[in-house]
Amino acid sequence: MATAKNSIKINAPIEKVFDFLKPDILPEIWPSLVEVKNITELPNGRYSWDWKYNMAGMNFNGTSENTEVVPNERTVSETTGGIESTITWLFESNDGGTKVTIVADYTVPVTLVGKLAESVIVRQNQKEGELILENLKTRMEASK
């Protein structure tokens, strides 16, 4: 299992950032997330949804479900299907803004190992995490 972990400080209140991150907006900030559909609202602020993701030029489909939601603190989503993963978003108040950390624990699909070395894919996914947070920061700070 590989892990990508990234953090960023966003000059926006924690409630605003936390409330913004719903499944339907993820493709707007997550460059390789091609599609999110069939979003279902579940009890306790949780969601389930289907997704299409592009990793190293290959598309994968799967389903995600929030397994934990603690308002203004964290969300945890488990994914199944083409890429098995656990995605954790952490939120901390930070000098009037919000520190956001995204941790992705995932298994590189076997079909990709022959195409590219796993270490290359891991580096690409680390960079993807940086882009996700930069895109989130831009969205949150532009809409003050």
Protein backbone atom coordinates (compact mmCIF):
# COMPACT_ATOMS: atom_id res chain seq x y z
CA MET A 1 0.00 0.00 0.00
CA ALA A 2 1.25 3.49 -0.89
CA THR A 3 0.53 6.74 0.92
CA ALA A 4 0.36 10.32 -0.34
CA LYS A 5 0.05 13.06 2.28
CA ASN A 6 -0.21 16.79 1.61
CA SER A 7 -1.16 19.85 3.67
CA ILE A 8 -1.93 23.49 2.94
CA LYS A 9 -3.08 26.56 4.84
CA ILE A 10 -6.20 28.19 3.43
CA ASN A 11 -7.24 31.71 4.40
CA ALA A 12 -10.87 30.79 4.97
CA PRO A 13 -12.85 29.67 8.02
CA ILE A 14 -12.82 25.96 8.80
CA GLU A 15 -16.62 25.70 8.49
CA LYS A 16 -16.55 27.13 4.97
CA VAL A 17 -13.81 24.76 3.81
CA PHE A 18 -15.37 21.69 5.44
CA ASP A 19 -18.85 22.45 4.06
CA PHE A 20 -17.48 22.99 0.54
CA LEU A 21 -15.94 19.53 0.22
CA LYS A 22 -18.83 17.42 -1.03
CA PRO A 23 -18.56 14.65 -3.64
CA ASP A 24 -20.12 16.70 -6.46
CA ILE A 25 -17.35 19.33 -6.41
CA LEU A 26 -14.40 16.94 -6.21
CA PRO A 27 -13.85 16.81 -10.01
CA GLU A 28 -13.52 20.62 -9.97
CA ILE A 29 -10.45 20.47 -7.71
CA TRP A 30 -9.09 16.95 -8.35
CA PRO A 31 -7.40 16.90 -11.78
CA SER A 32 -7.46 13.12 -12.39
CA LEU A 33 -10.97 12.57 -11.03
CA VAL A 34 -12.85 12.40 -14.31
CA GLU A 35 -16.40 11.96 -13.02
CA VAL A 36 -18.52 11.66 -9.88
CA LYS A 37 -22.11 10.42 -10.20
CA ASN A 38 -24.88 8.57 -8.38
CA ILE A 39 -24.32 10.60 -5.21
CA THR A 40 -26.44 9.37 -2.31
CA GLU A 41 -26.77 11.26 0.95
CA LEU A 42 -26.51 8.92 3.93
CA PRO A 43 -27.17 9.49 7.64
CA ASN A 44 -24.82 11.61 9.79
CA GLY A 45 -23.53 13.80 6.95
CA ARG A 46 -22.09 10.90 4.99
CA TYR A 47 -22.29 10.23 1.24
CA SER A 48 -21.71 7.42 -1.21
CA TRP A 49 -20.87 7.98 -4.88
CA ASP A 50 -19.51 6.35 -8.02
CA TRP A 51 -16.37 7.72 -9.65
CA LYS A 52 -14.11 7.48 -12.68
CA TYR A 53 -10.42 8.21 -12.12
CA ASN A 54 -7.49 8.43 -14.53
CA MET A 55 -4.18 7.11 -13.24
CA ALA A 56 -1.18 7.04 -15.58
CA GLY A 57 -3.39 7.26 -18.66
CA MET A 58 -5.77 4.46 -17.64
CA ASN A 59 -9.35 4.96 -16.46
CA PHE A 60 -10.63 3.16 -13.36
CA ASN A 61 -14.19 3.06 -11.99
CA GLY A 62 -15.30 2.49 -8.46
CA THR A 63 -17.44 3.50 -5.52
CA SER A 64 -16.63 5.62 -2.48
CA GLU A 65 -18.45 5.94 0.82
CA ASN A 66 -17.76 8.15 3.79
CA THR A 67 -17.11 5.84 6.72
CA GLU A 68 -16.53 8.71 9.14
CA VAL A 69 -17.56 12.36 9.23
CA VAL A 70 -16.68 14.60 12.16
CA PRO A 71 -17.82 18.14 11.25
CA ASN A 72 -14.97 20.65 10.91
CA GLU A 73 -12.45 17.98 11.90
CA ARG A 74 -12.24 15.07 9.42
CA THR A 75 -13.88 12.91 6.79
CA VAL A 76 -12.78 9.42 5.85
CA SER A 77 -13.83 7.70 2.63
CA GLU A 78 -13.26 4.10 1.60
CA THR A 79 -13.10 3.33 -2.11
CA THR A 80 -13.67 0.02 -3.83
CA GLY A 81 -13.45 -1.00 -7.44
CA GLY A 82 -10.60 -0.18 -9.79
CA ILE A 83 -8.47 1.42 -7.06
CA GLU A 84 -8.73 0.38 -3.42
CA SER A 85 -8.04 3.29 -1.09
CA THR A 86 -8.80 5.22 2.05
CA ILE A 87 -8.92 9.00 1.66
CA THR A 88 -8.79 11.07 4.85
CA TRP A 89 -9.35 14.84 4.91
CA LEU A 90 -8.23 16.59 8.12
CA PHE A 91 -9.21 20.15 9.06
CA GLU A 92 -7.55 22.30 11.75
CA SER A 93 -8.12 25.94 12.68
CA ASN A 94 -4.94 27.87 11.97
CA ASP A 95 -4.52 31.61 12.68
CA GLY A 96 -7.99 32.53 11.43
CA GLY A 97 -7.69 30.14 8.51
CA THR A 98 -7.75 26.40 8.01
CA LYS A 99 -4.98 23.85 7.68
CA VAL A 100 -6.21 21.08 5.38
CA THR A 101 -4.42 17.76 5.10
CA ILE A 102 -5.33 15.02 2.65
CA VAL A 103 -3.97 11.51 3.22
CA ALA A 104 -4.49 8.89 0.54
CA ASP A 105 -3.63 5.30 1.39
CA TYR A 106 -4.02 3.29 -1.81
CA THR A 107 -3.00 0.22 -3.73
CA VAL A 108 -1.48 0.79 -7.15
CA PRO A 109 -3.58 -1.29 -9.56
CA VAL A 110 -1.71 -4.36 -10.82
CA THR A 111 -2.49 -3.39 -14.43
CA LEU A 112 -0.31 -0.29 -14.01
CA VAL A 113 2.73 -1.94 -12.51
CA GLY A 114 3.72 -3.36 -15.90
CA LYS A 115 3.15 -0.01 -17.61
CA LEU A 116 5.08 2.22 -15.20
CA ALA A 117 7.22 1.59 -12.18
CA GLU A 118 5.21 1.91 -8.97
CA SER A 119 7.57 4.62 -7.67
CA VAL A 120 6.72 6.83 -10.66
CA ILE A 121 3.00 6.41 -9.99
CA VAL A 122 3.50 7.20 -6.30
CA ARG A 123 5.35 10.42 -7.20
CA GLN A 124 2.58 11.38 -9.63
CA ASN A 125 -0.04 10.83 -6.93
CA GLN A 126 1.96 12.92 -4.44
CA LYS A 127 1.97 15.78 -6.96
CA GLU A 128 -1.76 15.24 -7.54
CA GLY A 129 -2.36 15.78 -3.82
CA GLU A 130 -0.52 19.11 -4.00
CA LEU A 131 -2.67 20.18 -6.96
CA ILE A 132 -5.90 19.19 -5.22
CA LEU A 133 -5.06 21.37 -2.22
CA GLU A 134 -3.84 24.28 -4.35
CA ASN A 135 -7.11 24.15 -6.32
CA LEU A 136 -9.12 24.03 -3.09
CA LYS A 137 -7.17 27.01 -1.72
CA THR A 138 -7.81 29.01 -4.89
CA ARG A 139 -11.53 28.28 -4.76
CA MET A 140 -11.88 29.10 -1.06
CA GLU A 141 -9.82 32.28 -1.10
CA ALA A 142 -11.43 33.62 -4.29
CA SER A 143 -14.93 33.38 -2.82
CA LYS A 144 -14.40 35.39 0.36
